Structures are given as C-alpha cells and as structure tokens.
Amino acid sequence: GFDNINVDLMSALPGQTPLDWAYTLKEVIRL
C-alpha cells in the first residue's frame, strides 16, 4: 500500500557510459 516512494540513483560511476546511465533511467521510469 505504499503510494509515495523515492528511488535514489547515482551517475558518473567508474566505467559508466551515458548509454549505461540511460538504461538505469529507463528502468526506473518504467516503474
């Protein structure tokens, strides 16, 4: 029944590319 949820995300990680970050954003937005 929780209808107010925050998700913490972190970008600019070691080895991360803009394409990698886009994948994480898409996955979370989908939820």
PDB file of all heavy atoms in Angstrom:
ATOM      1  N   GLY A   1       0.765  -1.235   0.000  1.00  0.00           N
ATOM      2  CA  GLY A   1       0.000   0.000   0.000  1.00  0.00           C
ATOM      3  C   GLY A   1       0.796   1.285   0.000  1.00  0.00           C
ATOM      4  O   GLY A   1       0.213   2.369   0.141  1.00  0.00           O
ATOM      5  N   PHE A   2       2.110   1.235  -0.180  1.00  0.00           N
ATOM      6  CA  PHE A   2       2.908   2.459  -0.203  1.00  0.00           C
ATOM      7  C   PHE A   2       2.776   3.133  -1.569  1.00  0.00           C
ATOM      8  O   PHE A   2       3.164   2.568  -2.590  1.00  0.00           O
ATOM      9  CB  PHE A   2       4.366   2.158   0.120  1.00  0.00           C
ATOM     10  CG  PHE A   2       4.595   1.896   1.578  1.00  0.00           C
ATOM     11  CD1 PHE A   2       4.615   0.600   2.081  1.00  0.00           C
ATOM     12  CD2 PHE A   2       4.754   2.951   2.468  1.00  0.00           C
ATOM     13  CE1 PHE A   2       4.795   0.352   3.432  1.00  0.00           C
ATOM     14  CE2 PHE A   2       4.931   2.716   3.832  1.00  0.00           C
ATOM     15  CZ  PHE A   2       4.953   1.421   4.310  1.00  0.00           C
ATOM     16  N   ASP A   3       2.236   4.347  -1.543  1.00  0.00           N
ATOM     17  CA  ASP A   3       1.991   5.069  -2.802  1.00  0.00           C
ATOM     18  C   ASP A   3       2.843   6.332  -2.911  1.00  0.00           C
ATOM     19  O   ASP A   3       2.551   7.225  -3.713  1.00  0.00           O
ATOM     20  CB  ASP A   3       0.505   5.425  -2.940  1.00  0.00           C
ATOM     21  CG  ASP A   3       0.031   6.366  -1.834  1.00  0.00           C
ATOM     22  OD1 ASP A   3       0.834   6.697  -0.920  1.00  0.00           O
ATOM     23  OD2 ASP A   3      -1.145   6.777  -1.872  1.00  0.00           O
ATOM     24  N   ASN A   4       3.886   6.416  -2.087  1.00  0.00           N
ATOM     25  CA  ASN A   4       4.820   7.547  -2.173  1.00  0.00           C
ATOM     26  C   ASN A   4       6.230   6.997  -1.949  1.00  0.00           C
ATOM     27  O   ASN A   4       6.676   6.839  -0.810  1.00  0.00           O
ATOM     28  CB  ASN A   4       4.480   8.615  -1.140  1.00  0.00           C
ATOM     29  CG  ASN A   4       5.184   9.934  -1.418  1.00  0.00           C
ATOM     30  OD1 ASN A   4       5.908  10.076  -2.406  1.00  0.00           O
ATOM     31  ND2 ASN A   4       4.985  10.916  -0.542  1.00  0.00           N
ATOM     32  N   ILE A   5       6.901   6.684  -3.047  1.00  0.00           N
ATOM     33  CA  ILE A   5       8.212   6.035  -2.981  1.00  0.00           C
ATOM     34  C   ILE A   5       9.233   6.859  -3.755  1.00  0.00           C
ATOM     35  O   ILE A   5       8.992   7.260  -4.901  1.00  0.00           O
ATOM     36  CB  ILE A   5       8.156   4.607  -3.564  1.00  0.00           C
ATOM     37  CG1 ILE A   5       7.175   3.737  -2.760  1.00  0.00           C
ATOM     38  CG2 ILE A   5       9.550   3.970  -3.557  1.00  0.00           C
ATOM     39  CD1 ILE A   5       7.005   2.330  -3.310  1.00  0.00           C
ATOM     40  N   ASN A   6      10.364   7.111  -3.114  1.00  0.00           N
ATOM     41  CA  ASN A   6      11.508   7.729  -3.776  1.00  0.00           C
ATOM     42  C   ASN A   6      12.513   6.649  -4.146  1.00  0.00           C
ATOM     43  O   ASN A   6      12.672   5.659  -3.433  1.00  0.00           O
ATOM     44  CB  ASN A   6      12.185   8.743  -2.856  1.00  0.00           C
ATOM     45  CG  ASN A   6      13.534   9.194  -3.413  1.00  0.00           C
ATOM     46  OD1 ASN A   6      13.607   9.812  -4.465  1.00  0.00           O
ATOM     47  ND2 ASN A   6      14.616   8.853  -2.717  1.00  0.00           N
ATOM     48  N   VAL A   7      13.210   6.851  -5.259  1.00  0.00           N
ATOM     49  CA  VAL A   7      14.309   5.970  -5.657  1.00  0.00           C
ATOM     50  C   VAL A   7      15.568   6.818  -5.802  1.00  0.00           C
ATOM     51  O   VAL A   7      15.573   7.815  -6.526  1.00  0.00           O
ATOM     52  CB  VAL A   7      13.997   5.236  -6.977  1.00  0.00           C
ATOM     53  CG1 VAL A   7      15.200   4.393  -7.410  1.00  0.00           C
ATOM     54  CG2 VAL A   7      12.770   4.345  -6.815  1.00  0.00           C
ATOM     55  N   ASP A   8      16.615   6.431  -5.086  1.00  0.00           N
ATOM     56  CA  ASP A   8      17.916   7.109  -5.179  1.00  0.00           C
ATOM     57  C   ASP A   8      18.739   6.503  -6.301  1.00  0.00           C
ATOM     58  O   ASP A   8      18.874   5.264  -6.388  1.00  0.00           O
ATOM     59  CB  ASP A   8      18.702   6.952  -3.874  1.00  0.00           C
ATOM     60  CG  ASP A   8      18.272   7.949  -2.813  1.00  0.00           C
ATOM     61  OD1 ASP A   8      17.663   8.970  -3.166  1.00  0.00           O
ATOM     62  OD2 ASP A   8      18.550   7.705  -1.626  1.00  0.00           O
ATOM     63  N   LEU A   9      19.297   7.359  -7.147  1.00  0.00           N
ATOM     64  CA  LEU A   9      20.153   6.924  -8.250  1.00  0.00           C
ATOM     65  C   LEU A   9      21.472   7.686  -8.212  1.00  0.00           C
ATOM     66  O   LEU A   9      21.543   8.807  -7.716  1.00  0.00           O
ATOM     67  CB  LEU A   9      19.469   7.173  -9.595  1.00  0.00           C
ATOM     68  CG  LEU A   9      18.130   6.474  -9.832  1.00  0.00           C
ATOM     69  CD1 LEU A   9      17.547   6.894 -11.175  1.00  0.00           C
ATOM     70  CD2 LEU A   9      18.289   4.967  -9.763  1.00  0.00           C
ATOM     71  N   MET A  10      22.514   7.076  -8.780  1.00  0.00           N
ATOM     72  CA  MET A  10      23.833   7.697  -8.790  1.00  0.00           C
ATOM     73  C   MET A  10      24.462   7.547 -10.172  1.00  0.00           C
ATOM     74  O   MET A  10      24.550   6.441 -10.710  1.00  0.00           O
ATOM     75  CB  MET A  10      24.730   7.041  -7.731  1.00  0.00           C
ATOM     76  CG  MET A  10      26.053   7.740  -7.520  1.00  0.00           C
ATOM     77  SD  MET A  10      27.020   6.936  -6.205  1.00  0.00           S
ATOM     78  CE  MET A  10      26.030   7.357  -4.780  1.00  0.00           C
ATOM     79  N   SER A  11      24.889   8.671 -10.742  1.00  0.00           N
ATOM     80  CA  SER A  11      25.516   8.658 -12.066  1.00  0.00           C
ATOM     81  C   SER A  11      27.006   8.971 -11.959  1.00  0.00           C
ATOM     82  O   SER A  11      27.529   9.218 -10.878  1.00  0.00           O
ATOM     83  CB  SER A  11      24.839   9.688 -12.971  1.00  0.00           C
ATOM     84  OG  SER A  11      25.030  10.996 -12.463  1.00  0.00           O
ATOM     85  N   ALA A  12      27.677   8.962 -13.126  1.00  0.00           N
ATOM     86  CA  ALA A  12      29.121   9.228 -13.227  1.00  0.00           C
ATOM     87  C   ALA A  12      29.928   8.214 -12.430  1.00  0.00           C
ATOM     88  O   ALA A  12      30.924   8.544 -11.782  1.00  0.00           O
ATOM     89  CB  ALA A  12      29.449  10.656 -12.787  1.00  0.00           C
ATOM     90  N   LEU A  13      29.499   6.955 -12.500  1.00  0.00           N
ATOM     91  CA  LEU A  13      30.192   5.880 -11.790  1.00  0.00           C
ATOM     92  C   LEU A  13      31.416   5.418 -12.588  1.00  0.00           C
ATOM     93  O   LEU A  13      31.477   5.606 -13.809  1.00  0.00           O
ATOM     94  CB  LEU A  13      29.244   4.691 -11.591  1.00  0.00           C
ATOM     95  CG  LEU A  13      27.905   4.997 -10.905  1.00  0.00           C
ATOM     96  CD1 LEU A  13      27.090   3.719 -10.769  1.00  0.00           C
ATOM     97  CD2 LEU A  13      28.122   5.638  -9.553  1.00  0.00           C
ATOM     98  N   PRO A  14      32.387   4.800 -11.933  1.00  0.00           N
ATOM     99  CA  PRO A  14      33.552   4.278 -12.664  1.00  0.00           C
ATOM    100  C   PRO A  14      33.119   3.325 -13.784  1.00  0.00           C
ATOM    101  O   PRO A  14      32.321   2.411 -13.569  1.00  0.00           O
ATOM    102  CB  PRO A  14      34.337   3.531 -11.578  1.00  0.00           C
ATOM    103  CG  PRO A  14      33.941   4.196 -10.304  1.00  0.00           C
ATOM    104  CD  PRO A  14      32.507   4.575 -10.477  1.00  0.00           C
ATOM    105  N   GLY A  15      33.618   3.572 -14.975  1.00  0.00           N
ATOM    106  CA  GLY A  15      33.311   2.716 -16.112  1.00  0.00           C
ATOM    107  C   GLY A  15      31.957   2.950 -16.739  1.00  0.00           C
ATOM    108  O   GLY A  15      31.616   2.328 -17.750  1.00  0.00           O
ATOM    109  N   GLN A  16      31.153   3.852 -16.176  1.00  0.00           N
ATOM    110  CA  GLN A  16      29.799   4.080 -16.683  1.00  0.00           C
ATOM    111  C   GLN A  16      29.813   4.997 -17.911  1.00  0.00           C
ATOM    112  O   GLN A  16      30.541   5.980 -17.958  1.00  0.00           O
ATOM    113  CB  GLN A  16      28.932   4.713 -15.594  1.00  0.00           C
ATOM    114  CG  GLN A  16      27.458   4.812 -15.930  1.00  0.00           C
ATOM    115  CD  GLN A  16      26.673   5.452 -14.799  1.00  0.00           C
ATOM    116  OE1 GLN A  16      26.972   6.569 -14.391  1.00  0.00           O
ATOM    117  NE2 GLN A  16      25.672   4.740 -14.285  1.00  0.00           N
ATOM    118  N   THR A  17      29.008   4.650 -18.903  1.00  0.00           N
ATOM    119  CA  THR A  17      28.847   5.478 -20.098  1.00  0.00           C
ATOM    120  C   THR A  17      27.469   6.142 -20.070  1.00  0.00           C
ATOM    121  O   THR A  17      26.575   5.694 -19.325  1.00  0.00           O
ATOM    122  CB  THR A  17      28.963   4.627 -21.368  1.00  0.00           C
ATOM    123  OG1 THR A  17      27.819   3.748 -21.440  1.00  0.00           O
ATOM    124  CG2 THR A  17      30.256   3.813 -21.380  1.00  0.00           C
ATOM    125  N   PRO A  18      27.247   7.171 -20.880  1.00  0.00           N
ATOM    126  CA  PRO A  18      25.903   7.755 -20.972  1.00  0.00           C
ATOM    127  C   PRO A  18      24.835   6.723 -21.346  1.00  0.00           C
ATOM    128  O   PRO A  18      23.704   6.791 -20.858  1.00  0.00           O
ATOM    129  CB  PRO A  18      26.063   8.824 -22.059  1.00  0.00           C
ATOM    130  CG  PRO A  18      27.489   9.263 -21.923  1.00  0.00           C
ATOM    131  CD  PRO A  18      28.247   7.998 -21.595  1.00  0.00           C
ATOM    132  N   LEU A  19      25.203   5.749 -22.182  1.00  0.00           N
ATOM    133  CA  LEU A  19      24.252   4.700 -22.552  1.00  0.00           C
ATOM    134  C   LEU A  19      23.881   3.840 -21.340  1.00  0.00           C
ATOM    135  O   LEU A  19      22.715   3.457 -21.164  1.00  0.00           O
ATOM    136  CB  LEU A  19      24.852   3.824 -23.652  1.00  0.00           C
ATOM    137  CG  LEU A  19      23.896   2.856 -24.365  1.00  0.00           C
ATOM    138  CD1 LEU A  19      22.773   3.622 -25.051  1.00  0.00           C
ATOM    139  CD2 LEU A  19      24.655   2.000 -25.367  1.00  0.00           C
ATOM    140  N   ASP A  20      24.862   3.539 -20.489  1.00  0.00           N
ATOM    141  CA  ASP A  20      24.590   2.788 -19.259  1.00  0.00           C
ATOM    142  C   ASP A  20      23.619   3.554 -18.365  1.00  0.00           C
ATOM    143  O   ASP A  20      22.684   2.986 -17.791  1.00  0.00           O
ATOM    144  CB  ASP A  20      25.889   2.538 -18.486  1.00  0.00           C
ATOM    145  CG  ASP A  20      26.878   1.662 -19.231  1.00  0.00           C
ATOM    146  OD1 ASP A  20      26.434   0.819 -20.031  1.00  0.00           O
ATOM    147  OD2 ASP A  20      28.097   1.836 -19.020  1.00  0.00           O
ATOM    148  N   TRP A  21      23.867   4.851 -18.213  1.00  0.00           N
ATOM    149  CA  TRP A  21      23.014   5.685 -17.365  1.00  0.00           C
ATOM    150  C   TRP A  21      21.597   5.778 -17.932  1.00  0.00           C
ATOM    151  O   TRP A  21      20.615   5.717 -17.181  1.00  0.00           O
ATOM    152  CB  TRP A  21      23.634   7.067 -17.227  1.00  0.00           C
ATOM    153  CG  TRP A  21      22.833   8.068 -16.455  1.00  0.00           C
ATOM    154  CD1 TRP A  21      22.390   9.284 -16.895  1.00  0.00           C
ATOM    155  CD2 TRP A  21      22.380   7.974 -15.088  1.00  0.00           C
ATOM    156  NE1 TRP A  21      21.702   9.949 -15.912  1.00  0.00           N
ATOM    157  CE2 TRP A  21      21.678   9.166 -14.781  1.00  0.00           C
ATOM    158  CE3 TRP A  21      22.505   6.992 -14.106  1.00  0.00           C
ATOM    159  CZ2 TRP A  21      21.096   9.404 -13.534  1.00  0.00           C
ATOM    160  CZ3 TRP A  21      21.926   7.217 -12.860  1.00  0.00           C
ATOM    161  CH2 TRP A  21      21.234   8.407 -12.577  1.00  0.00           C
ATOM    162  N   ALA A  22      21.481   5.845 -19.247  1.00  0.00           N
ATOM    163  CA  ALA A  22      20.163   5.892 -19.875  1.00  0.00           C
ATOM    164  C   ALA A  22      19.374   4.623 -19.565  1.00  0.00           C
ATOM    165  O   ALA A  22      18.152   4.670 -19.343  1.00  0.00           O
ATOM    166  CB  ALA A  22      20.306   6.079 -21.382  1.00  0.00           C
ATOM    167  N   TYR A  23      20.064   3.486 -19.531  1.00  0.00           N
ATOM    168  CA  TYR A  23      19.400   2.220 -19.207  1.00  0.00           C
ATOM    169  C   TYR A  23      18.805   2.268 -17.799  1.00  0.00           C
ATOM    170  O   TYR A  23      17.645   1.889 -17.585  1.00  0.00           O
ATOM    171  CB  TYR A  23      20.391   1.068 -19.325  1.00  0.00           C
ATOM    172  CG  TYR A  23      19.873  -0.234 -18.761  1.00  0.00           C
ATOM    173  CD1 TYR A  23      18.932  -1.001 -19.459  1.00  0.00           C
ATOM    174  CD2 TYR A  23      20.305  -0.703 -17.511  1.00  0.00           C
ATOM    175  CE1 TYR A  23      18.436  -2.185 -18.932  1.00  0.00           C
ATOM    176  CE2 TYR A  23      19.821  -1.883 -16.982  1.00  0.00           C
ATOM    177  CZ  TYR A  23      18.886  -2.627 -17.690  1.00  0.00           C
ATOM    178  OH  TYR A  23      18.397  -3.795 -17.166  1.00  0.00           O
ATOM    179  N   THR A  24      19.590   2.746 -16.824  1.00  0.00           N
ATOM    180  CA  THR A  24      19.089   2.839 -15.454  1.00  0.00           C
ATOM    181  C   THR A  24      17.891   3.768 -15.378  1.00  0.00           C
ATOM    182  O   THR A  24      16.869   3.443 -14.750  1.00  0.00           O
ATOM    183  CB  THR A  24      20.204   3.321 -14.505  1.00  0.00           C
ATOM    184  OG1 THR A  24      21.135   2.250 -14.292  1.00  0.00           O
ATOM    185  CG2 THR A  24      19.648   3.747 -13.154  1.00  0.00           C
ATOM    186  N   LEU A  25      17.974   4.920 -16.024  1.00  0.00           N
ATOM    187  CA  LEU A  25      16.852   5.858 -16.008  1.00  0.00           C
ATOM    188  C   LEU A  25      15.593   5.239 -16.608  1.00  0.00           C
ATOM    189  O   LEU A  25      14.496   5.352 -16.048  1.00  0.00           O
ATOM    190  CB  LEU A  25      17.220   7.129 -16.774  1.00  0.00           C
ATOM    191  CG  LEU A  25      18.185   8.103 -16.085  1.00  0.00           C
ATOM    192  CD1 LEU A  25      18.550   9.237 -17.028  1.00  0.00           C
ATOM    193  CD2 LEU A  25      17.589   8.657 -14.804  1.00  0.00           C
ATOM    194  N   LYS A  26      15.728   4.562 -17.740  1.00  0.00           N
ATOM    195  CA  LYS A  26      14.573   3.940 -18.399  1.00  0.00           C
ATOM    196  C   LYS A  26      13.929   2.890 -17.499  1.00  0.00           C
ATOM    197  O   LYS A  26      12.697   2.800 -17.404  1.00  0.00           O
ATOM    198  CB  LYS A  26      15.000   3.300 -19.717  1.00  0.00           C
ATOM    199  CG  LYS A  26      15.298   4.302 -20.824  1.00  0.00           C
ATOM    200  CD  LYS A  26      15.790   3.580 -22.082  1.00  0.00           C
ATOM    201  CE  LYS A  26      16.169   4.566 -23.184  1.00  0.00           C
ATOM    202  NZ  LYS A  26      16.743   3.874 -24.373  1.00  0.00           N
ATOM    203  N   GLU A  27      14.757   2.086 -16.857  1.00  0.00           N
ATOM    204  CA  GLU A  27      14.241   1.035 -15.981  1.00  0.00           C
ATOM    205  C   GLU A  27      13.449   1.627 -14.822  1.00  0.00           C
ATOM    206  O   GLU A  27      12.375   1.127 -14.458  1.00  0.00           O
ATOM    207  CB  GLU A  27      15.398   0.190 -15.446  1.00  0.00           C
ATOM    208  CG  GLU A  27      15.984  -0.768 -16.462  1.00  0.00           C
ATOM    209  CD  GLU A  27      14.992  -1.847 -16.851  1.00  0.00           C
ATOM    210  OE1 GLU A  27      14.591  -2.639 -15.971  1.00  0.00           O
ATOM    211  OE2 GLU A  27      14.604  -1.913 -18.037  1.00  0.00           O
ATOM    212  N   VAL A  28      13.964   2.678 -14.227  1.00  0.00           N
ATOM    213  CA  VAL A  28      13.294   3.278 -13.067  1.00  0.00           C
ATOM    214  C   VAL A  28      12.035   4.032 -13.497  1.00  0.00           C
ATOM    215  O   VAL A  28      10.986   3.925 -12.849  1.00  0.00           O
ATOM    216  CB  VAL A  28      14.272   4.205 -12.308  1.00  0.00           C
ATOM    217  CG1 VAL A  28      13.538   4.969 -11.204  1.00  0.00           C
ATOM    218  CG2 VAL A  28      15.405   3.384 -11.710  1.00  0.00           C
ATOM    219  N   ILE A  29      12.105   4.765 -14.587  1.00  0.00           N
ATOM    220  CA  ILE A  29      10.921   5.482 -15.089  1.00  0.00           C
ATOM    221  C   ILE A  29       9.781   4.508 -15.369  1.00  0.00           C
ATOM    222  O   ILE A  29       8.607   4.807 -15.114  1.00  0.00           O
ATOM    223  CB  ILE A  29      11.283   6.280 -16.357  1.00  0.00           C
ATOM    224  CG1 ILE A  29      12.181   7.475 -16.007  1.00  0.00           C
ATOM    225  CG2 ILE A  29      10.024   6.758 -17.078  1.00  0.00           C
ATOM    226  CD1 ILE A  29      12.784   8.172 -17.213  1.00  0.00           C
ATOM    227  N   ARG A  30      10.124   3.331 -15.862  1.00  0.00           N
ATOM    228  CA  ARG A  30       9.120   2.305 -16.174  1.00  0.00           C
ATOM    229  C   ARG A  30       8.304   1.935 -14.932  1.00  0.00           C
ATOM    230  O   ARG A  30       7.120   1.592 -15.029  1.00  0.00           O
ATOM    231  CB  ARG A  30       9.833   1.074 -16.734  1.00  0.00           C
ATOM    232  CG  ARG A  30       8.954  -0.109 -17.051  1.00  0.00           C
ATOM    233  CD  ARG A  30       9.764  -1.217 -17.693  1.00  0.00           C
ATOM    234  NE  ARG A  30      10.832  -1.699 -16.835  1.00  0.00           N
ATOM    235  CZ  ARG A  30      10.662  -2.624 -15.882  1.00  0.00           C
ATOM    236  NH1 ARG A  30       9.454  -3.141 -15.673  1.00  0.00           N
ATOM    237  NH2 ARG A  30      11.677  -3.028 -15.161  1.00  0.00           N
ATOM    238  N   LEU A  31       8.915   2.031 -13.753  1.00  0.00           N
ATOM    239  CA  LEU A  31       8.240   1.666 -12.504  1.00  0.00           C
ATOM    240  C   LEU A  31       7.360   2.785 -11.958  1.00  0.00           C
ATOM    241  O   LEU A  31       6.544   2.555 -11.070  1.00  0.00           O
ATOM    242  CB  LEU A  31       9.282   1.275 -11.450  1.00  0.00           C
ATOM    243  CG  LEU A  31      10.139   0.049 -11.788  1.00  0.00           C
ATOM    244  CD1 LEU A  31      11.266  -0.101 -10.777  1.00  0.00           C
ATOM    245  CD2 LEU A  31       9.284  -1.219 -11.839  1.00  0.00           C
TER     246      LEU A  31
END
